[in-house]
Amino acid sequence: MLRYLIGKKGQMSQTFDNEGKRIPVTTIETGDCYIVDIKKNPLNGRVYFVLGFQKAKHVTKPIKGILDKAGIPVALRCFREYPAGDSISDIVTEGNKKMVTAGEFTYRVGDKISASDLFKEGDVINVTGTSKGKGFQGVVKRHNFRGGPRTHGQSDRERAPGSLGQTTTPGKVYKGKRMAGRMGNERITVRNLVVISVSGTEMTVKGLVPGFKNAVLEITNKTA
């Protein structure tokens, strides 16, 4: 069964559960997600889905050829490859299109998939995205350092990192030392989020997900 989907981050808001507790929620929009190709790795024999997402103004000729072959009328810009699972072992060609069957589910190249096809209320998911970039930051903001005291003539050391702790031996700064540097803009996975509701191409999950509004997200269904 297909357990993966690509979407984009929507509105962040809040709602109330059955006990009246207020919970933070995030909306994820999953429209315009298609199965672009179905592949089989000759080395391990596993089947993989190639998913495409998000409309593009312009695409290169090679990408346009792939989309035309799949029968997808929309120009797409985001492509990801995911394993189909051990339950799928064979790819069948029907007409000019590849298809696979997993139990009661059948997937064909060119099919449009949405949140309501793969998720339901109560499912547990992982959401992967790129966190917001915050530029070059000091150690207080980047690593939650306390900083130095304001007294005893240290007015210019309040947000300084302090001593790096190395002398003649070993005479270097160890790799991985927490220092100032670029913060954010990293691939982040938020695990074990619960699906609150699903409606067509839109789903609402409990909690926060990485990235800015309209950022591309990869969603994995752990319940399936």
C-alpha atoms as a PDB file:
ATOM      1  CA  MET A   1       0.000   0.000   0.000  1.00  0.00           C
ATOM      2  CA  LEU A   2       1.158   3.527  -0.766  1.00  0.00           C
ATOM      3  CA  ARG A   3       2.044   5.203   2.534  1.00  0.00           C
ATOM      4  CA  TYR A   4       3.669   8.407   1.279  1.00  0.00           C
ATOM      5  CA  LEU A   5       2.312  11.713   0.039  1.00  0.00           C
ATOM      6  CA  ILE A   6       3.678  15.148  -0.830  1.00  0.00           C
ATOM      7  CA  GLY A   7       1.883  18.295   0.301  1.00  0.00           C
ATOM      8  CA  LYS A   8       2.424  21.887   1.270  1.00  0.00           C
ATOM      9  CA  LYS A   9       2.086  23.631   4.600  1.00  0.00           C
ATOM     10  CA  GLY A  10      -1.065  25.668   5.076  1.00  0.00           C
ATOM     11  CA  GLN A  11      -2.575  27.675   7.890  1.00  0.00           C
ATOM     12  CA  MET A  12      -1.531  27.148  11.517  1.00  0.00           C
ATOM     13  CA  SER A  13      -4.404  27.468  13.955  1.00  0.00           C
ATOM     14  CA  GLN A  14      -5.980  25.885  17.036  1.00  0.00           C
ATOM     15  CA  THR A  15      -8.982  23.745  17.840  1.00  0.00           C
ATOM     16  CA  PHE A  16     -10.514  21.834  20.735  1.00  0.00           C
ATOM     17  CA  ASP A  17     -10.600  18.077  21.312  1.00  0.00           C
ATOM     18  CA  ASN A  18     -13.459  16.020  22.753  1.00  0.00           C
ATOM     19  CA  GLU A  19     -12.365  16.852  26.309  1.00  0.00           C
ATOM     20  CA  GLY A  20     -12.412  20.584  25.625  1.00  0.00           C
ATOM     21  CA  LYS A  21      -8.622  20.949  25.621  1.00  0.00           C
ATOM     22  CA  ARG A  22      -7.160  23.475  23.223  1.00  0.00           C
ATOM     23  CA  ILE A  23      -4.647  21.961  20.797  1.00  0.00           C
ATOM     24  CA  PRO A  24      -2.455  23.510  18.063  1.00  0.00           C
ATOM     25  CA  VAL A  25      -3.149  22.273  14.528  1.00  0.00           C
ATOM     26  CA  THR A  26      -1.610  22.695  11.082  1.00  0.00           C
ATOM     27  CA  THR A  27      -3.371  22.348   7.749  1.00  0.00           C
ATOM     28  CA  ILE A  28      -1.599  20.446   4.955  1.00  0.00           C
ATOM     29  CA  GLU A  29      -2.786  20.792   1.356  1.00  0.00           C
ATOM     30  CA  THR A  30      -2.131  17.723  -0.827  1.00  0.00           C
ATOM     31  CA  GLY A  31      -3.747  18.663  -4.144  1.00  0.00           C
ATOM     32  CA  ASP A  32      -1.964  18.087  -7.482  1.00  0.00           C
ATOM     33  CA  CYS A  33      -0.008  15.033  -6.318  1.00  0.00           C
ATOM     34  CA  TYR A  34       0.396  12.378  -9.029  1.00  0.00           C
ATOM     35  CA  ILE A  35       2.063   8.997  -9.510  1.00  0.00           C
ATOM     36  CA  VAL A  36       4.629   9.863 -12.179  1.00  0.00           C
ATOM     37  CA  ASP A  37       6.302   6.453 -12.485  1.00  0.00           C
ATOM     38  CA  ILE A  38       6.543   2.991 -10.919  1.00  0.00           C
ATOM     39  CA  LYS A  39      10.027   1.463 -10.906  1.00  0.00           C
ATOM     40  CA  LYS A  40      11.615  -1.818  -9.889  1.00  0.00           C
ATOM     41  CA  ASN A  41      15.170  -1.930  -8.579  1.00  0.00           C
ATOM     42  CA  PRO A  42      16.979  -4.776 -10.366  1.00  0.00           C
ATOM     43  CA  LEU A  43      19.415  -5.216  -7.467  1.00  0.00           C
ATOM     44  CA  ASN A  44      16.968  -5.832  -4.611  1.00  0.00           C
ATOM     45  CA  GLY A  45      13.739  -6.429  -6.549  1.00  0.00           C
ATOM     46  CA  ARG A  46      11.833  -3.752  -4.637  1.00  0.00           C
ATOM     47  CA  VAL A  47       9.186  -1.560  -6.236  1.00  0.00           C
ATOM     48  CA  TYR A  48       9.300   2.233  -5.907  1.00  0.00           C
ATOM     49  CA  PHE A  49       6.749   4.969  -6.562  1.00  0.00           C
ATOM     50  CA  VAL A  50       7.842   8.265  -8.118  1.00  0.00           C
ATOM     51  CA  LEU A  51       5.486  11.018  -6.973  1.00  0.00           C
ATOM     52  CA  GLY A  52       5.209  14.500  -8.470  1.00  0.00           C
ATOM     53  CA  PHE A  53       3.701  17.541  -6.808  1.00  0.00           C
ATOM     54  CA  GLN A  54       3.027  21.257  -7.187  1.00  0.00           C
ATOM     55  CA  LYS A  55       2.253  23.097 -10.397  1.00  0.00           C
ATOM     56  CA  ALA A  56       5.125  24.713 -12.274  1.00  0.00           C
ATOM     57  CA  LYS A  57       5.068  27.552 -14.771  1.00  0.00           C
ATOM     58  CA  HIS A  58       7.786  26.044 -16.925  1.00  0.00           C
ATOM     59  CA  VAL A  59       9.379  22.594 -17.142  1.00  0.00           C
ATOM     60  CA  THR A  60      12.332  21.263 -19.098  1.00  0.00           C
ATOM     61  CA  LYS A  61      11.735  19.081 -22.146  1.00  0.00           C
ATOM     62  CA  PRO A  62      12.914  15.858 -20.418  1.00  0.00           C
ATOM     63  CA  ILE A  63      10.462  16.429 -17.543  1.00  0.00           C
ATOM     64  CA  LYS A  64       7.680  17.301 -19.989  1.00  0.00           C
ATOM     65  CA  GLY A  65       8.346  14.038 -21.832  1.00  0.00           C
ATOM     66  CA  ILE A  66       8.041  12.044 -18.593  1.00  0.00           C
ATOM     67  CA  LEU A  67       4.785  13.793 -17.667  1.00  0.00           C
ATOM     68  CA  ASP A  68       3.323  13.322 -21.162  1.00  0.00           C
ATOM     69  CA  LYS A  69       4.206   9.619 -21.086  1.00  0.00           C
ATOM     70  CA  ALA A  70       2.437   9.277 -17.720  1.00  0.00           C
ATOM     71  CA  GLY A  71      -0.619  11.108 -19.063  1.00  0.00           C
ATOM     72  CA  ILE A  72      -0.395  13.882 -16.470  1.00  0.00           C
ATOM     73  CA  PRO A  73      -1.915  17.144 -17.769  1.00  0.00           C
ATOM     74  CA  VAL A  74      -0.278  19.339 -15.104  1.00  0.00           C
ATOM     75  CA  ALA A  75       3.322  20.587 -15.170  1.00  0.00           C
ATOM     76  CA  LEU A  76       4.936  19.486 -11.874  1.00  0.00           C
ATOM     77  CA  ARG A  77       8.046  20.743 -10.125  1.00  0.00           C
ATOM     78  CA  CYS A  78       8.647  18.528  -7.047  1.00  0.00           C
ATOM     79  CA  PHE A  79       9.536  14.853  -7.485  1.00  0.00           C
ATOM     80  CA  ARG A  80      10.212  12.249  -4.792  1.00  0.00           C
ATOM     81  CA  GLU A  81      10.826   8.498  -4.864  1.00  0.00           C
ATOM     82  CA  TYR A  82       9.414   6.174  -2.166  1.00  0.00           C
ATOM     83  CA  PRO A  83       9.466   2.395  -1.576  1.00  0.00           C
ATOM     84  CA  ALA A  84       6.168   0.651  -2.291  1.00  0.00           C
ATOM     85  CA  GLY A  85       6.512  -1.947   0.481  1.00  0.00           C
ATOM     86  CA  ASP A  86       7.180  -5.664   0.560  1.00  0.00           C
ATOM     87  CA  SER A  87       3.560  -6.575  -0.289  1.00  0.00           C
ATOM     88  CA  ILE A  88       4.082  -5.318  -3.869  1.00  0.00           C
ATOM     89  CA  SER A  89       6.455  -7.400  -5.945  1.00  0.00           C
ATOM     90  CA  ASP A  90       5.282  -7.195  -9.566  1.00  0.00           C
ATOM     91  CA  ILE A  91       4.615  -4.369 -12.035  1.00  0.00           C
ATOM     92  CA  VAL A  92       1.921  -5.032 -14.638  1.00  0.00           C
ATOM     93  CA  THR A  93       1.589  -3.055 -17.865  1.00  0.00           C
ATOM     94  CA  GLU A  94      -1.983  -2.201 -18.823  1.00  0.00           C
ATOM     95  CA  GLY A  95      -2.086  -0.513 -22.199  1.00  0.00           C
ATOM     96  CA  ASN A  96       0.860   1.862 -22.103  1.00  0.00           C
ATOM     97  CA  LYS A  97       0.760   2.436 -18.342  1.00  0.00           C
ATOM     98  CA  LYS A  98       2.367   0.573 -15.479  1.00  0.00           C
ATOM     99  CA  MET A  99       0.238  -0.523 -12.538  1.00  0.00           C
ATOM    100  CA  VAL A 100       0.662  -2.453  -9.288  1.00  0.00           C
ATOM    101  CA  THR A 101      -1.816  -4.093  -6.942  1.00  0.00           C
ATOM    102  CA  ALA A 102      -1.547  -4.297  -3.152  1.00  0.00           C
ATOM    103  CA  GLY A 103      -4.499  -6.133  -1.637  1.00  0.00           C
ATOM    104  CA  GLU A 104      -7.625  -4.181  -2.524  1.00  0.00           C
ATOM    105  CA  PHE A 105      -5.654  -1.176  -3.752  1.00  0.00           C
ATOM    106  CA  THR A 106      -4.544  -0.628  -7.355  1.00  0.00           C
ATOM    107  CA  TYR A 107      -2.159   2.139  -8.363  1.00  0.00           C
ATOM    108  CA  ARG A 108      -1.528   3.272 -11.946  1.00  0.00           C
ATOM    109  CA  VAL A 109       0.951   5.713 -13.424  1.00  0.00           C
ATOM    110  CA  GLY A 110      -0.837   9.011 -13.928  1.00  0.00           C
ATOM    111  CA  ASP A 111      -3.246   8.557 -11.000  1.00  0.00           C
ATOM    112  CA  LYS A 112      -3.939  11.622  -8.875  1.00  0.00           C
ATOM    113  CA  ILE A 113      -3.791  10.908  -5.154  1.00  0.00           C
ATOM    114  CA  SER A 114      -4.923  13.041  -2.252  1.00  0.00           C
ATOM    115  CA  ALA A 115      -5.092  12.969   1.530  1.00  0.00           C
ATOM    116  CA  SER A 116      -8.479  11.242   1.678  1.00  0.00           C
ATOM    117  CA  ASP A 117      -7.058   8.315  -0.358  1.00  0.00           C
ATOM    118  CA  LEU A 118      -4.289   7.495   2.118  1.00  0.00           C
ATOM    119  CA  PHE A 119      -5.184   8.967   5.500  1.00  0.00           C
ATOM    120  CA  LYS A 120      -8.075   8.949   7.937  1.00  0.00           C
ATOM    121  CA  GLU A 121      -8.810  10.541  11.298  1.00  0.00           C
ATOM    122  CA  GLY A 122      -6.619   9.135  14.057  1.00  0.00           C
ATOM    123  CA  ASP A 123      -3.723   8.008  11.830  1.00  0.00           C
ATOM    124  CA  VAL A 124      -0.202   8.602  13.129  1.00  0.00           C
ATOM    125  CA  ILE A 125       2.140  10.268  10.634  1.00  0.00           C
ATOM    126  CA  ASN A 126       5.657  11.630  10.238  1.00  0.00           C
ATOM    127  CA  VAL A 127       6.106  14.972   8.456  1.00  0.00           C
ATOM    128  CA  THR A 128       9.424  15.931   6.864  1.00  0.00           C
ATOM    129  CA  GLY A 129      10.304  19.409   5.594  1.00  0.00           C
ATOM    130  CA  THR A 130      12.960  22.103   5.525  1.00  0.00           C
ATOM    131  CA  SER A 131      13.053  24.323   8.600  1.00  0.00           C
ATOM    132  CA  LYS A 132      13.007  28.104   8.348  1.00  0.00           C
ATOM    133  CA  GLY A 133      16.422  29.623   7.695  1.00  0.00           C
ATOM    134  CA  LYS A 134      17.502  32.145  10.334  1.00  0.00           C
ATOM    135  CA  GLY A 135      20.874  33.175   8.923  1.00  0.00           C
ATOM    136  CA  PHE A 136      24.121  33.465  10.901  1.00  0.00           C
ATOM    137  CA  GLN A 137      23.323  33.437  14.627  1.00  0.00           C
ATOM    138  CA  GLY A 138      25.326  33.556  17.857  1.00  0.00           C
ATOM    139  CA  VAL A 139      25.564  30.821  20.463  1.00  0.00           C
ATOM    140  CA  VAL A 140      22.855  32.281  22.728  1.00  0.00           C
ATOM    141  CA  LYS A 141      20.153  31.963  20.067  1.00  0.00           C
ATOM    142  CA  ARG A 142      21.595  28.964  18.242  1.00  0.00           C
ATOM    143  CA  HIS A 143      22.512  26.723  21.200  1.00  0.00           C
ATOM    144  CA  ASN A 144      20.699  28.384  24.133  1.00  0.00           C
ATOM    145  CA  PHE A 145      23.938  29.422  25.866  1.00  0.00           C
ATOM    146  CA  ARG A 146      23.417  31.446  29.027  1.00  0.00           C
ATOM    147  CA  GLY A 147      26.069  34.054  28.228  1.00  0.00           C
ATOM    148  CA  GLY A 148      28.481  35.746  30.626  1.00  0.00           C
ATOM    149  CA  PRO A 149      27.759  37.980  33.628  1.00  0.00           C
ATOM    150  CA  ARG A 150      27.108  41.681  33.142  1.00  0.00           C
ATOM    151  CA  THR A 151      29.213  42.680  36.148  1.00  0.00           C
ATOM    152  CA  HIS A 152      32.965  43.024  36.850  1.00  0.00           C
ATOM    153  CA  GLY A 153      33.781  44.902  33.678  1.00  0.00           C
ATOM    154  CA  GLN A 154      32.355  42.320  31.270  1.00  0.00           C
ATOM    155  CA  SER A 155      29.885  44.566  29.516  1.00  0.00           C
ATOM    156  CA  ASP A 156      31.071  43.329  26.108  1.00  0.00           C
ATOM    157  CA  ARG A 157      30.951  39.603  26.932  1.00  0.00           C
ATOM    158  CA  GLU A 158      27.247  39.189  27.696  1.00  0.00           C
ATOM    159  CA  ARG A 159      26.443  37.034  24.653  1.00  0.00           C
ATOM    160  CA  ALA A 160      29.939  35.695  23.973  1.00  0.00           C
ATOM    161  CA  PRO A 161      30.574  31.915  23.773  1.00  0.00           C
ATOM    162  CA  GLY A 162      33.401  31.965  26.315  1.00  0.00           C
ATOM    163  CA  SER A 163      36.552  29.859  26.263  1.00  0.00           C
ATOM    164  CA  LEU A 164      36.816  27.050  23.734  1.00  0.00           C
ATOM    165  CA  GLY A 165      38.738  24.993  26.311  1.00  0.00           C
ATOM    166  CA  GLN A 166      41.786  23.944  24.280  1.00  0.00           C
ATOM    167  CA  THR A 167      45.469  24.704  25.051  1.00  0.00           C
ATOM    168  CA  THR A 168      48.745  23.401  23.598  1.00  0.00           C
ATOM    169  CA  THR A 169      47.376  19.882  23.780  1.00  0.00           C
ATOM    170  CA  PRO A 170      45.581  19.073  21.499  1.00  0.00           C
ATOM    171  CA  GLY A 171      46.071  22.568  20.045  1.00  0.00           C
ATOM    172  CA  LYS A 172      42.887  22.556  18.014  1.00  0.00           C
ATOM    173  CA  VAL A 173      39.132  22.991  18.303  1.00  0.00           C
ATOM    174  CA  TYR A 174      37.279  19.683  18.205  1.00  0.00           C
ATOM    175  CA  LYS A 175      34.918  19.050  15.316  1.00  0.00           C
ATOM    176  CA  GLY A 176      31.283  19.602  16.317  1.00  0.00           C
ATOM    177  CA  LYS A 177      32.057  22.264  18.919  1.00  0.00           C
ATOM    178  CA  ARG A 178      28.970  24.377  19.542  1.00  0.00           C
ATOM    179  CA  MET A 179      29.771  27.795  18.120  1.00  0.00           C
ATOM    180  CA  ALA A 180      28.113  30.595  16.170  1.00  0.00           C
ATOM    181  CA  GLY A 181      27.049  29.740  12.639  1.00  0.00           C
ATOM    182  CA  ARG A 182      24.221  29.278  10.193  1.00  0.00           C
ATOM    183  CA  MET A 183      20.967  28.358  11.880  1.00  0.00           C
ATOM    184  CA  GLY A 184      17.943  26.618  10.358  1.00  0.00           C
ATOM    185  CA  ASN A 185      17.402  25.642   6.707  1.00  0.00           C
ATOM    186  CA  GLU A 186      17.803  21.949   7.596  1.00  0.00           C
ATOM    187  CA  ARG A 187      15.816  18.827   6.799  1.00  0.00           C
ATOM    188  CA  ILE A 188      13.632  18.146   9.836  1.00  0.00           C
ATOM    189  CA  THR A 189      11.257  15.254  10.570  1.00  0.00           C
ATOM    190  CA  VAL A 190       8.513  15.722  13.156  1.00  0.00           C
ATOM    191  CA  ARG A 191       7.348  12.287  14.286  1.00  0.00           C
ATOM    192  CA  ASN A 192       4.119  10.811  15.615  1.00  0.00           C
ATOM    193  CA  LEU A 193       1.676  13.568  14.700  1.00  0.00           C
ATOM    194  CA  VAL A 194      -1.996  12.611  14.855  1.00  0.00           C
ATOM    195  CA  VAL A 195      -4.411  13.333  12.002  1.00  0.00           C
ATOM    196  CA  ILE A 196      -7.340  15.369  13.337  1.00  0.00           C
ATOM    197  CA  SER A 197      -9.441  15.499  10.176  1.00  0.00           C
ATOM    198  CA  VAL A 198      -9.262  14.754   6.442  1.00  0.00           C
ATOM    199  CA  SER A 199     -11.372  16.429   3.777  1.00  0.00           C
ATOM    200  CA  GLY A 200     -10.592  15.766   0.120  1.00  0.00           C
ATOM    201  CA  THR A 201      -7.131  17.131  -0.627  1.00  0.00           C
ATOM    202  CA  GLU A 202      -6.769  18.833   2.756  1.00  0.00           C
ATOM    203  CA  MET A 203      -5.804  17.339   6.109  1.00  0.00           C
ATOM    204  CA  THR A 204      -5.392  18.792   9.588  1.00  0.00           C
ATOM    205  CA  VAL A 205      -2.777  17.409  11.971  1.00  0.00           C
ATOM    206  CA  LYS A 206      -2.193  17.996  15.657  1.00  0.00           C
ATOM    207  CA  GLY A 207       0.972  19.978  16.319  1.00  0.00           C
ATOM    208  CA  LEU A 208       3.458  21.950  14.250  1.00  0.00           C
ATOM    209  CA  VAL A 209       5.349  20.991  11.107  1.00  0.00           C
ATOM    210  CA  PRO A 210       8.641  22.364   9.697  1.00  0.00           C
ATOM    211  CA  GLY A 211       8.993  25.245   7.266  1.00  0.00           C
ATOM    212  CA  PHE A 212       7.171  28.370   6.213  1.00  0.00           C
ATOM    213  CA  LYS A 213       3.697  28.643   4.723  1.00  0.00           C
ATOM    214  CA  ASN A 214       3.409  26.836   1.357  1.00  0.00           C
ATOM    215  CA  ALA A 215       6.628  24.900   2.054  1.00  0.00           C
ATOM    216  CA  VAL A 216       6.797  21.414   0.518  1.00  0.00           C
ATOM    217  CA  LEU A 217       6.262  18.581   3.031  1.00  0.00           C
ATOM    218  CA  GLU A 218       6.695  14.808   2.797  1.00  0.00           C
ATOM    219  CA  ILE A 219       4.098  12.839   4.772  1.00  0.00           C
ATOM    220  CA  THR A 220       4.507   9.220   5.884  1.00  0.00           C
ATOM    221  CA  ASN A 221       1.595   7.183   7.257  1.00  0.00           C
ATOM    222  CA  LYS A 222       2.902   5.042  10.151  1.00  0.00           C
ATOM    223  CA  THR A 223      -0.491   3.467  10.841  1.00  0.00           C
ATOM    224  CA  ALA A 224      -0.823   1.778   7.424  1.00  0.00           C
END
